[in-house]
């Protein structure tokens, strides 16, 4: 296996299974459309909040999940979460708030997925001090900052995605190493399969 494949496997092994760029990749590639919903916690990092612009540009609705007086996503928030609309919809929340340090209930991941939502879990602030077993907690997408875990090099992050969630993404553009082939004459291209098409 090549160096990129070995790196992907190492990250995957570490979690049993730069955060800003990972969030951008999900936002620009998520198949939002009219009547989709992008639901997000009120204390998401700006990198996650920025996904709102992609959702709005495609006609999706935005819902902000409020925090309680202790700056927490209330555990009953999961009970209030309604079924996702038929259009592809995304719920995003931090495992641990970058702003307050509060850890939100990870059970929300399973509840939301059961209700038909795709889930983006921002684990950048959580992983430096906690383990995240992706066999137990199964979001569709996890964004993380490797430098917050290892300390160096700064700015390095990653996106971990479930295979089925990755297949649902629609990459709006491509670059050198992400395509199998390109035809200028026919205005077509084919992305590499799996993670390589999104690097």
N, C-alpha and C. Protein backbone atom coordinates (compact mmCIF):
# COMPACT_ATOMS: atom_id res chain seq x y z
N UNK A 1 0.84 -1.19 0.00
CA UNK A 1 0.00 0.00 0.00
C UNK A 1 0.88 1.24 0.00
N UNK A 2 0.38 2.30 -0.65
CA UNK A 2 1.12 3.55 -0.71
C UNK A 2 1.06 4.31 0.61
N UNK A 3 1.83 5.39 0.68
CA UNK A 3 1.90 6.19 1.90
C UNK A 3 0.52 6.73 2.30
N UNK A 4 -0.29 7.32 1.36
CA UNK A 4 -1.60 7.82 1.79
C UNK A 4 -2.49 6.71 2.37
N UNK A 5 -2.46 5.54 1.76
CA UNK A 5 -3.28 4.43 2.26
C UNK A 5 -2.82 4.00 3.64
N UNK A 6 -1.52 3.94 3.87
CA UNK A 6 -0.99 3.56 5.20
C UNK A 6 -1.41 4.59 6.24
N UNK A 7 -1.39 5.88 5.88
CA UNK A 7 -1.81 6.93 6.82
C UNK A 7 -3.29 6.78 7.16
N UNK A 8 -4.12 6.55 6.14
CA UNK A 8 -5.55 6.37 6.39
C UNK A 8 -5.78 5.20 7.34
N UNK A 9 -5.07 4.09 7.09
CA UNK A 9 -5.25 2.91 7.94
C UNK A 9 -4.80 3.19 9.37
N UNK A 10 -3.72 3.95 9.54
CA UNK A 10 -3.23 4.27 10.88
C UNK A 10 -4.24 5.11 11.65
N UNK A 11 -4.83 6.13 10.98
CA UNK A 11 -5.86 6.94 11.63
C UNK A 11 -7.06 6.06 11.97
N UNK A 12 -7.47 5.23 11.04
CA UNK A 12 -8.63 4.35 11.25
C UNK A 12 -8.37 3.40 12.43
N UNK A 13 -7.19 2.80 12.48
CA UNK A 13 -6.84 1.88 13.57
C UNK A 13 -6.89 2.60 14.92
N UNK A 14 -6.39 3.82 14.97
CA UNK A 14 -6.34 4.56 16.23
C UNK A 14 -7.74 4.78 16.81
N UNK A 15 -8.73 4.97 15.96
CA UNK A 15 -10.08 5.26 16.43
C UNK A 15 -10.99 4.06 16.33
N UNK A 16 -10.44 2.85 16.19
CA UNK A 16 -11.25 1.65 15.99
C UNK A 16 -12.03 1.82 14.70
N UNK A 17 -11.90 1.96 14.04
CA UNK A 17 -12.60 2.19 12.78
C UNK A 17 -11.59 2.69 11.71
N UNK A 18 -6.67 19.19 8.68
CA UNK A 18 -7.12 20.08 9.71
C UNK A 18 -8.61 20.09 9.75
N UNK A 19 -9.30 19.81 10.96
CA UNK A 19 -10.73 19.72 11.19
C UNK A 19 -11.50 20.73 10.34
N UNK A 20 -10.99 21.94 10.15
CA UNK A 20 -11.71 22.94 9.34
C UNK A 20 -11.86 22.48 7.91
N UNK A 21 -10.80 21.94 7.33
CA UNK A 21 -10.88 21.46 5.95
C UNK A 21 -11.80 20.25 5.86
N UNK A 22 -11.81 19.42 6.91
CA UNK A 22 -12.69 18.25 6.93
C UNK A 22 -14.16 18.70 6.93
N UNK A 23 -14.47 19.70 7.73
CA UNK A 23 -15.84 20.23 7.78
C UNK A 23 -16.23 20.83 6.43
N UNK A 24 -15.30 21.57 5.83
CA UNK A 24 -15.56 22.18 4.53
C UNK A 24 -15.85 21.10 3.49
N UNK A 25 -15.09 20.01 3.53
CA UNK A 25 -15.29 18.92 2.59
C UNK A 25 -16.69 18.33 2.72
N UNK A 26 -17.15 18.12 3.95
CA UNK A 26 -18.50 17.61 4.16
C UNK A 26 -19.53 18.62 3.66
N UNK A 27 -19.35 19.89 4.03
CA UNK A 27 -20.31 20.92 3.64
C UNK A 27 -20.46 21.08 2.14
N UNK A 28 -19.33 21.13 1.43
CA UNK A 28 -19.41 21.34 -0.01
C UNK A 28 -19.88 20.10 -0.77
N UNK A 29 -19.75 18.93 -0.15
CA UNK A 29 -20.09 17.68 -0.84
C UNK A 29 -21.40 17.06 -0.38
N UNK A 30 -21.97 17.54 0.72
CA UNK A 30 -23.20 16.96 1.22
C UNK A 30 -24.34 17.30 0.26
N UNK A 31 -25.21 16.33 -0.05
CA UNK A 31 -26.26 16.58 -1.06
C UNK A 31 -27.46 17.36 -0.53
N UNK A 32 -27.21 18.52 0.09
CA UNK A 32 -28.31 19.38 0.54
C UNK A 32 -29.17 19.75 -0.66
N UNK A 33 -30.46 19.89 -0.44
CA UNK A 33 -31.37 20.40 -1.46
C UNK A 33 -32.55 21.05 -0.75
N UNK A 34 -33.46 21.57 -1.55
CA UNK A 34 -34.65 22.20 -0.98
C UNK A 34 -35.35 21.18 -0.08
N UNK A 35 -35.72 21.57 1.10
CA UNK A 35 -36.36 20.77 2.14
C UNK A 35 -35.39 19.91 2.94
N UNK A 36 -34.08 19.95 2.64
CA UNK A 36 -33.10 19.36 3.54
C UNK A 36 -33.02 20.24 4.78
N UNK A 37 -32.48 19.68 5.86
CA UNK A 37 -32.26 20.46 7.08
C UNK A 37 -30.81 20.27 7.52
N UNK A 38 -30.19 21.38 7.87
CA UNK A 38 -28.89 21.33 8.55
C UNK A 38 -29.15 21.78 9.97
N UNK A 39 -29.09 20.83 10.91
CA UNK A 39 -29.32 21.12 12.33
C UNK A 39 -27.96 21.13 13.03
N UNK A 40 -27.73 22.13 13.85
CA UNK A 40 -26.44 22.23 14.53
C UNK A 40 -26.59 22.79 15.93
N UNK A 41 -25.70 22.34 16.80
CA UNK A 41 -25.70 22.82 18.17
C UNK A 41 -25.27 24.29 18.20
N UNK A 42 -25.79 25.02 19.17
CA UNK A 42 -25.50 26.45 19.28
C UNK A 42 -24.03 26.72 19.58
N UNK A 43 -23.29 25.73 20.06
CA UNK A 43 -21.89 25.96 20.41
C UNK A 43 -20.91 25.27 19.47
N UNK A 44 -21.34 25.03 18.23
CA UNK A 44 -20.41 24.45 17.26
C UNK A 44 -19.28 25.42 16.95
N UNK A 45 -18.15 24.86 16.60
CA UNK A 45 -16.99 25.63 16.16
C UNK A 45 -17.35 26.32 14.83
N UNK A 46 -16.72 27.45 14.54
CA UNK A 46 -16.99 28.17 13.30
C UNK A 46 -16.79 27.31 12.06
N UNK A 47 -15.88 26.33 12.13
CA UNK A 47 -15.65 25.45 10.99
C UNK A 47 -16.91 24.65 10.66
N UNK A 48 -17.68 24.30 11.68
CA UNK A 48 -18.94 23.58 11.47
C UNK A 48 -20.04 24.56 11.08
N UNK A 49 -20.09 25.69 11.74
CA UNK A 49 -21.12 26.69 11.43
C UNK A 49 -21.02 27.13 9.97
N UNK A 50 -19.80 27.16 9.43
CA UNK A 50 -19.61 27.55 8.03
C UNK A 50 -20.33 26.65 7.04
N UNK A 51 -20.62 25.42 7.42
CA UNK A 51 -21.37 24.50 6.54
C UNK A 51 -22.74 25.10 6.21
N UNK A 52 -23.23 25.93 7.11
CA UNK A 52 -24.52 26.60 6.91
C UNK A 52 -24.60 27.28 5.55
N UNK A 53 -23.50 27.87 5.10
CA UNK A 53 -23.52 28.60 3.83
C UNK A 53 -23.76 27.67 2.65
N UNK A 54 -23.18 26.48 2.68
CA UNK A 54 -23.43 25.49 1.62
C UNK A 54 -24.89 25.04 1.66
N UNK A 55 -25.38 24.79 2.87
CA UNK A 55 -26.77 24.34 3.01
C UNK A 55 -27.74 25.40 2.51
N UNK A 56 -27.55 26.65 2.91
CA UNK A 56 -28.43 27.73 2.48
C UNK A 56 -28.39 27.93 0.96
N UNK A 57 -27.20 27.83 0.39
CA UNK A 57 -27.05 28.03 -1.05
C UNK A 57 -27.84 27.00 -1.86
N UNK A 58 -28.10 25.86 -1.25
CA UNK A 58 -28.85 24.80 -1.96
C UNK A 58 -30.30 24.72 -1.49
N UNK A 59 -30.74 25.71 -0.71
CA UNK A 59 -32.15 25.77 -0.32
C UNK A 59 -32.51 25.00 0.93
N UNK A 60 -31.53 24.52 1.68
CA UNK A 60 -31.82 23.77 2.91
C UNK A 60 -32.26 24.73 4.02
N UNK A 61 -32.97 24.18 5.00
CA UNK A 61 -33.36 24.93 6.18
C UNK A 61 -32.31 24.75 7.26
N UNK A 62 -32.18 25.74 8.12
CA UNK A 62 -31.20 25.70 9.21
C UNK A 62 -31.96 25.65 10.53
N UNK A 63 -31.56 24.74 11.42
CA UNK A 63 -32.13 24.68 12.76
C UNK A 63 -30.98 24.68 13.76
N UNK A 64 -31.06 25.55 14.74
CA UNK A 64 -30.04 25.62 15.79
C UNK A 64 -30.58 24.93 17.04
N UNK A 65 -29.82 23.97 17.56
CA UNK A 65 -30.22 23.27 18.78
C UNK A 65 -29.76 24.11 19.97
N UNK A 66 -30.69 24.58 20.79
CA UNK A 66 -30.31 25.46 21.90
C UNK A 66 -29.62 24.70 23.02
N UNK A 67 -28.83 25.44 23.79
CA UNK A 67 -28.17 24.90 24.97
C UNK A 67 -28.97 25.29 26.20
N UNK A 68 -28.82 24.52 27.28
CA UNK A 68 -29.50 24.89 28.52
C UNK A 68 -28.68 25.93 29.28
N UNK A 69 -29.10 26.30 30.48
CA UNK A 69 -28.41 27.36 31.23
C UNK A 69 -27.00 26.96 31.66
N UNK A 70 -26.67 25.65 31.60
CA UNK A 70 -25.31 25.18 31.90
C UNK A 70 -24.48 25.02 30.63
N UNK A 71 -24.98 25.54 29.52
CA UNK A 71 -24.32 25.48 28.22
C UNK A 71 -24.19 24.06 27.69
N UNK A 72 -25.15 23.22 28.02
CA UNK A 72 -25.15 21.83 27.57
C UNK A 72 -26.29 21.60 26.60
N UNK A 73 -26.06 20.64 25.68
CA UNK A 73 -27.18 20.15 24.88
C UNK A 73 -27.97 19.27 25.83
N UNK A 74 -29.19 19.62 26.15
CA UNK A 74 -29.95 18.82 27.11
C UNK A 74 -30.10 17.38 26.62
N UNK A 75 -30.00 16.42 27.54
CA UNK A 75 -30.13 15.02 27.15
C UNK A 75 -31.48 14.76 26.53
N UNK A 76 -32.49 15.54 26.93
CA UNK A 76 -33.81 15.36 26.32
C UNK A 76 -33.86 15.92 24.90
N UNK A 77 -32.77 16.57 24.47
CA UNK A 77 -32.70 17.07 23.09
C UNK A 77 -32.89 15.90 22.13
N UNK A 78 -32.34 14.75 22.48
CA UNK A 78 -32.48 13.56 21.64
C UNK A 78 -33.95 13.19 21.50
N UNK A 79 -34.70 13.30 22.58
CA UNK A 79 -36.13 12.97 22.54
C UNK A 79 -36.90 13.98 21.68
N UNK A 80 -36.44 15.24 21.68
CA UNK A 80 -37.13 16.28 20.90
C UNK A 80 -36.75 16.24 19.43
N UNK A 81 -35.64 15.59 19.11
CA UNK A 81 -35.21 15.52 17.72
C UNK A 81 -36.25 14.74 16.91
N UNK A 82 -36.76 15.35 15.89
CA UNK A 82 -37.79 14.68 15.11
C UNK A 82 -37.14 13.93 13.94
N UNK A 83 -37.93 13.12 13.29
CA UNK A 83 -37.43 12.39 12.13
C UNK A 83 -36.91 13.37 11.08
N UNK A 84 -35.84 12.96 10.43
CA UNK A 84 -35.28 13.80 9.38
C UNK A 84 -36.26 13.87 8.22
N UNK A 85 -36.28 14.99 7.52
CA UNK A 85 -37.13 15.07 6.33
C UNK A 85 -36.64 14.09 5.28
N UNK A 86 -37.45 13.83 4.25
CA UNK A 86 -37.03 12.87 3.22
C UNK A 86 -35.77 13.32 2.46
N UNK A 87 -35.55 14.62 2.37
CA UNK A 87 -34.35 15.12 1.71
C UNK A 87 -33.14 14.89 2.62
N UNK A 88 -31.96 14.65 2.04
CA UNK A 88 -30.77 14.41 2.86
C UNK A 88 -30.56 15.54 3.87
N UNK A 89 -30.43 15.17 5.14
CA UNK A 89 -30.30 16.17 6.21
C UNK A 89 -29.14 15.79 7.12
N UNK A 90 -28.55 16.82 7.73
CA UNK A 90 -27.33 16.64 8.51
C UNK A 90 -27.46 17.29 9.88
N UNK A 91 -27.10 16.54 10.91
CA UNK A 91 -27.01 17.06 12.27
C UNK A 91 -25.53 17.16 12.62
N UNK A 92 -25.10 18.30 13.16
CA UNK A 92 -23.71 18.48 13.56
C UNK A 92 -23.65 18.99 14.99
N UNK A 93 -22.79 18.36 15.78
CA UNK A 93 -22.56 18.85 17.14
C UNK A 93 -21.18 18.44 17.61
N UNK A 94 -20.63 19.19 18.57
CA UNK A 94 -19.31 18.85 19.09
C UNK A 94 -19.42 17.81 20.21
N UNK A 95 -18.52 16.84 20.21
CA UNK A 95 -18.45 15.92 21.33
C UNK A 95 -18.08 16.69 22.59
N UNK A 96 -17.24 17.70 22.40
CA UNK A 96 -16.86 18.60 23.49
C UNK A 96 -16.79 20.01 22.92
N UNK A 97 -17.44 20.93 23.56
CA UNK A 97 -17.47 22.30 23.08
C UNK A 97 -16.08 22.93 23.13
N UNK A 98 -15.69 23.57 22.04
CA UNK A 98 -14.44 24.33 22.01
C UNK A 98 -14.51 25.54 22.92
N UNK A 99 -15.71 26.03 23.16
CA UNK A 99 -15.89 27.28 23.89
C UNK A 99 -16.02 27.08 25.39
N UNK A 100 -16.82 26.10 25.80
CA UNK A 100 -17.09 25.93 27.23
C UNK A 100 -16.40 24.70 27.82
N UNK A 101 -15.97 23.78 26.97
CA UNK A 101 -15.39 22.53 27.47
C UNK A 101 -16.42 21.48 27.83
N UNK A 102 -17.70 21.82 27.72
CA UNK A 102 -18.78 20.89 28.05
C UNK A 102 -18.77 19.73 27.07
N UNK A 103 -18.94 18.52 27.60
CA UNK A 103 -19.09 17.33 26.77
C UNK A 103 -20.56 17.02 26.60
N UNK A 104 -20.98 16.90 25.35
CA UNK A 104 -22.38 16.65 25.04
C UNK A 104 -22.66 15.15 24.97
N UNK A 105 -23.92 14.75 25.18
CA UNK A 105 -24.26 13.32 25.20
C UNK A 105 -24.07 12.67 23.82
N UNK A 106 -23.17 11.70 23.76
CA UNK A 106 -22.87 11.03 22.50
C UNK A 106 -24.00 10.10 22.07
N UNK A 107 -24.95 9.83 22.98
CA UNK A 107 -26.12 9.01 22.61
C UNK A 107 -26.93 9.69 21.51
N UNK A 108 -26.77 10.99 21.38
CA UNK A 108 -27.49 11.74 20.35
C UNK A 108 -27.14 11.22 18.96
N UNK A 109 -25.94 10.68 18.79
CA UNK A 109 -25.52 10.15 17.49
C UNK A 109 -26.45 9.01 17.07
N UNK A 110 -26.61 8.01 17.93
CA UNK A 110 -27.45 6.85 17.60
C UNK A 110 -28.91 7.25 17.41
N UNK A 111 -29.40 8.13 18.27
CA UNK A 111 -30.79 8.58 18.16
C UNK A 111 -31.03 9.27 16.82
N UNK A 112 -30.14 10.17 16.46
CA UNK A 112 -30.30 10.92 15.21
C UNK A 112 -30.22 9.99 14.00
N UNK A 113 -29.28 9.08 14.02
CA UNK A 113 -29.15 8.16 12.87
C UNK A 113 -30.38 7.28 12.74
N UNK A 114 -30.93 6.85 13.87
CA UNK A 114 -32.16 6.04 13.85
C UNK A 114 -33.32 6.82 13.23
N UNK A 115 -33.30 8.13 13.41
CA UNK A 115 -34.37 8.99 12.88
C UNK A 115 -34.11 9.44 11.44
N UNK A 116 -33.02 8.95 10.84
CA UNK A 116 -32.76 9.25 9.44
C UNK A 116 -31.79 10.37 9.16
N UNK A 117 -31.16 10.92 10.19
CA UNK A 117 -30.18 12.00 10.00
C UNK A 117 -28.80 11.41 9.69
N UNK A 118 -28.03 12.11 8.89
CA UNK A 118 -26.58 11.90 8.82
C UNK A 118 -26.02 12.74 9.95
N UNK A 119 -24.95 12.27 10.59
CA UNK A 119 -24.40 12.98 11.75
C UNK A 119 -22.92 13.30 11.53
N UNK A 120 -22.60 14.57 11.74
CA UNK A 120 -21.21 15.03 11.76
C UNK A 120 -20.85 15.32 13.21
N UNK A 121 -19.90 14.57 13.74
CA UNK A 121 -19.44 14.77 15.11
C UNK A 121 -18.09 15.48 15.08
N UNK A 122 -18.04 16.65 15.67
CA UNK A 122 -16.78 17.40 15.77
C UNK A 122 -16.07 16.89 17.02
N UNK A 123 -14.99 16.15 16.82
CA UNK A 123 -14.26 15.56 17.94
C UNK A 123 -12.92 16.24 18.19
N UNK A 124 -12.69 17.39 17.58
CA UNK A 124 -11.39 18.07 17.68
C UNK A 124 -11.02 18.41 19.12
N UNK A 125 -11.94 18.93 19.90
CA UNK A 125 -11.64 19.30 21.29
C UNK A 125 -11.73 18.10 22.23
N UNK A 126 -12.45 17.07 21.83
CA UNK A 126 -12.71 15.90 22.67
C UNK A 126 -11.52 14.93 22.71
N UNK A 127 -10.94 14.66 21.56
CA UNK A 127 -9.95 13.60 21.45
C UNK A 127 -8.63 13.81 22.17
N UNK A 128 -8.18 15.03 22.41
CA UNK A 128 -6.92 15.16 23.15
C UNK A 128 -6.99 14.58 24.57
N UNK A 129 -8.19 14.46 25.15
CA UNK A 129 -8.29 13.98 26.54
C UNK A 129 -9.25 12.81 26.71
N UNK A 130 -9.80 12.30 25.62
CA UNK A 130 -10.78 11.22 25.73
C UNK A 130 -10.65 10.27 24.54
N UNK A 131 -11.10 9.05 24.73
CA UNK A 131 -11.12 8.07 23.65
C UNK A 131 -12.48 8.08 22.99
N UNK A 132 -12.49 7.84 21.70
CA UNK A 132 -13.73 7.74 20.95
C UNK A 132 -13.69 6.42 20.19
N UNK A 133 -14.49 5.47 20.61
CA UNK A 133 -14.54 4.17 19.97
C UNK A 133 -15.64 4.20 18.91
N UNK A 134 -15.24 4.19 17.65
CA UNK A 134 -16.20 4.30 16.57
C UNK A 134 -16.95 3.00 16.30
N UNK A 135 -16.65 1.97 17.04
CA UNK A 135 -17.48 0.76 16.99
C UNK A 135 -18.72 0.93 17.87
N UNK A 136 -18.59 1.78 18.89
CA UNK A 136 -19.71 2.03 19.80
C UNK A 136 -20.49 3.28 19.42
N UNK A 137 -19.78 4.35 19.15
CA UNK A 137 -20.40 5.62 18.73
C UNK A 137 -20.17 5.70 17.23
N UNK A 138 -21.25 5.74 16.45
CA UNK A 138 -21.11 5.58 15.00
C UNK A 138 -21.67 6.75 14.19
N UNK A 139 -21.05 7.93 14.30
CA UNK A 139 -21.48 9.03 13.45
C UNK A 139 -21.11 8.74 11.99
N UNK A 140 -21.71 9.46 11.08
CA UNK A 140 -21.37 9.30 9.67
C UNK A 140 -20.02 9.93 9.36
N UNK A 141 -19.76 11.07 10.00
CA UNK A 141 -18.52 11.81 9.77
C UNK A 141 -17.96 12.25 11.12
N UNK A 142 -16.64 12.16 11.27
CA UNK A 142 -15.95 12.68 12.45
C UNK A 142 -14.83 13.57 11.95
N UNK A 143 -14.83 14.82 12.39
CA UNK A 143 -13.70 15.69 12.06
C UNK A 143 -12.83 15.82 13.30
N UNK A 144 -11.53 15.86 13.08
CA UNK A 144 -10.59 15.91 14.19
C UNK A 144 -9.35 16.69 13.80
N UNK A 145 -8.64 17.14 14.81
CA UNK A 145 -7.39 17.86 14.62
C UNK A 145 -6.26 17.00 15.16
N UNK A 146 -5.46 16.45 14.26
CA UNK A 146 -4.36 15.58 14.70
C UNK A 146 -3.34 16.35 15.54
N UNK A 147 -3.14 17.63 15.21
CA UNK A 147 -2.15 18.39 15.96
C UNK A 147 -2.60 18.66 17.39
N UNK A 148 -3.92 18.67 17.64
CA UNK A 148 -4.39 18.84 19.02
C UNK A 148 -4.13 17.58 19.84
N UNK A 149 -4.00 16.46 19.16
CA UNK A 149 -3.71 15.20 19.83
C UNK A 149 -2.20 15.03 20.00
N UNK A 150 -1.44 15.25 18.90
CA UNK A 150 -0.01 14.97 18.91
C UNK A 150 0.85 16.21 19.14
N UNK A 151 0.27 17.41 18.96
CA UNK A 151 1.02 18.64 19.19
C UNK A 151 1.78 19.17 17.99
N UNK A 152 2.00 18.34 16.99
CA UNK A 152 2.76 18.78 15.83
C UNK A 152 2.46 17.85 14.67
N UNK A 153 2.48 18.24 13.45
CA UNK A 153 2.58 19.61 12.96
C UNK A 153 1.24 20.34 13.08
N UNK A 154 1.30 21.63 13.28
CA UNK A 154 0.07 22.38 13.47
C UNK A 154 -0.74 22.42 12.18
N UNK A 155 -2.05 22.52 12.35
CA UNK A 155 -2.93 22.66 11.21
C UNK A 155 -3.34 21.36 10.54
N UNK A 156 -2.87 20.21 11.02
CA UNK A 156 -3.19 18.95 10.38
C UNK A 156 -4.46 18.37 10.99
N UNK A 157 -5.41 18.05 10.15
CA UNK A 157 -6.67 17.46 10.61
C UNK A 157 -7.06 16.31 9.73
N UNK A 158 -8.19 15.71 10.03
CA UNK A 158 -8.65 14.57 9.24
C UNK A 158 -10.16 14.47 9.32
N UNK A 159 -10.70 13.78 8.33
CA UNK A 159 -12.10 13.43 8.29
C UNK A 159 -12.18 11.91 8.26
N UNK A 160 -12.89 11.35 9.21
CA UNK A 160 -13.16 9.91 9.22
C UNK A 160 -14.62 9.78 8.84
N UNK A 161 -14.90 8.92 7.85
CA UNK A 161 -16.27 8.80 7.35
C UNK A 161 -16.66 7.34 7.18
N UNK A 162 -17.91 7.05 7.45
CA UNK A 162 -18.46 5.72 7.17
C UNK A 162 -18.49 5.55 5.65
N UNK A 163 -18.28 4.32 5.18
CA UNK A 163 -18.27 4.08 3.74
C UNK A 163 -19.57 4.51 3.07
N UNK A 164 -20.71 4.17 3.67
CA UNK A 164 -21.99 4.54 3.05
C UNK A 164 -22.18 6.05 3.05
N UNK A 165 -21.69 6.73 4.07
CA UNK A 165 -21.80 8.19 4.11
C UNK A 165 -20.91 8.83 3.05
N UNK A 166 -19.71 8.28 2.87
CA UNK A 166 -18.79 8.79 1.85
C UNK A 166 -19.41 8.64 0.46
N UNK A 167 -20.08 7.54 0.20
CA UNK A 167 -20.71 7.32 -1.11
C UNK A 167 -21.84 8.32 -1.37
N UNK A 168 -22.46 8.84 -0.32
CA UNK A 168 -23.56 9.79 -0.49
C UNK A 168 -23.07 11.20 -0.83
N UNK A 169 -21.79 11.48 -0.58
CA UNK A 169 -21.25 12.81 -0.87
C UNK A 169 -21.10 13.01 -2.37
N UNK A 170 -21.23 14.26 -2.80
CA UNK A 170 -21.12 14.61 -4.21
C UNK A 170 -20.07 15.70 -4.35
N UNK A 171 -18.85 15.31 -4.61
CA UNK A 171 -17.74 16.27 -4.69
C UNK A 171 -17.97 17.25 -5.84
N UNK A 172 -18.01 18.58 -5.57
CA UNK A 172 -18.33 19.55 -6.62
C UNK A 172 -17.14 19.88 -7.52
N UNK A 173 -15.94 19.49 -7.13
CA UNK A 173 -14.76 19.80 -7.92
C UNK A 173 -13.75 18.68 -7.72
N UNK A 174 -12.66 18.73 -8.45
CA UNK A 174 -11.63 17.71 -8.29
C UNK A 174 -10.27 18.36 -8.50
N UNK A 175 -9.23 17.61 -8.15
CA UNK A 175 -7.88 18.08 -8.36
C UNK A 175 -7.01 16.90 -8.80
N UNK A 176 -5.75 17.17 -9.02
CA UNK A 176 -4.82 16.21 -9.61
C UNK A 176 -4.94 14.77 -9.17
N UNK A 177 -4.75 14.51 -7.90
CA UNK A 177 -4.70 13.13 -7.44
C UNK A 177 -6.03 12.52 -7.05
N UNK A 178 -7.14 13.19 -7.35
CA UNK A 178 -8.45 12.69 -6.90
C UNK A 178 -9.26 12.03 -8.02
N UNK A 179 -8.72 12.00 -9.25
CA UNK A 179 -9.50 11.48 -10.37
C UNK A 179 -8.85 10.26 -11.00
N UNK A 180 -9.71 9.39 -11.50
CA UNK A 180 -9.28 8.23 -12.28
C UNK A 180 -8.93 8.69 -13.70
N UNK A 181 -9.82 9.53 -14.27
CA UNK A 181 -9.59 10.09 -15.60
C UNK A 181 -10.39 11.38 -15.77
N UNK A 182 -9.96 12.19 -16.75
CA UNK A 182 -10.62 13.44 -17.08
C UNK A 182 -10.67 13.55 -18.61
N UNK A 183 -11.81 13.98 -19.14
CA UNK A 183 -11.93 14.25 -20.57
C UNK A 183 -12.33 15.71 -20.76
N UNK A 184 -11.40 16.52 -21.28
CA UNK A 184 -11.73 17.91 -21.57
C UNK A 184 -12.73 17.99 -22.71
N UNK A 185 -12.57 17.13 -23.72
CA UNK A 185 -13.45 17.17 -24.89
C UNK A 185 -14.90 16.87 -24.53
N UNK A 186 -15.11 15.97 -23.59
CA UNK A 186 -16.48 15.57 -23.25
C UNK A 186 -16.98 16.19 -21.94
N UNK A 187 -16.12 16.97 -21.29
CA UNK A 187 -16.53 17.63 -20.05
C UNK A 187 -16.89 16.66 -18.94
N UNK A 188 -16.18 15.55 -18.87
CA UNK A 188 -16.49 14.52 -17.87
C UNK A 188 -15.24 14.11 -17.12
N UNK A 189 -15.46 13.50 -15.98
CA UNK A 189 -14.36 12.95 -15.18
C UNK A 189 -14.91 11.84 -14.29
N UNK A 190 -14.01 11.05 -13.74
CA UNK A 190 -14.41 10.03 -12.78
C UNK A 190 -13.49 10.13 -11.57
N UNK A 191 -14.09 10.35 -10.40
CA UNK A 191 -13.30 10.40 -9.17
C UNK A 191 -12.76 9.04 -8.84
N UNK A 192 -11.61 9.01 -8.16
CA UNK A 192 -11.12 7.75 -7.61
C UNK A 192 -12.13 7.25 -6.59
N UNK A 193 -12.19 5.98 -6.38
CA UNK A 193 -13.14 5.39 -5.45
C UNK A 193 -12.74 5.66 -4.00
N UNK A 194 -13.73 5.77 -3.14
CA UNK A 194 -13.49 5.90 -1.71
C UNK A 194 -12.79 7.18 -1.32
N UNK A 195 -11.99 7.08 -0.27
CA UNK A 195 -11.36 8.25 0.34
C UNK A 195 -10.44 9.00 -0.63
N UNK A 196 -9.78 8.27 -1.54
CA UNK A 196 -8.83 8.94 -2.44
C UNK A 196 -9.49 10.01 -3.29
N UNK A 197 -10.77 9.84 -3.63
CA UNK A 197 -11.46 10.84 -4.43
C UNK A 197 -11.79 12.11 -3.66
N UNK A 198 -11.56 12.10 -2.33
CA UNK A 198 -11.89 13.26 -1.50
C UNK A 198 -10.68 13.87 -0.83
N UNK A 199 -9.49 13.42 -1.16
CA UNK A 199 -8.30 13.94 -0.49
C UNK A 199 -7.86 15.26 -1.09
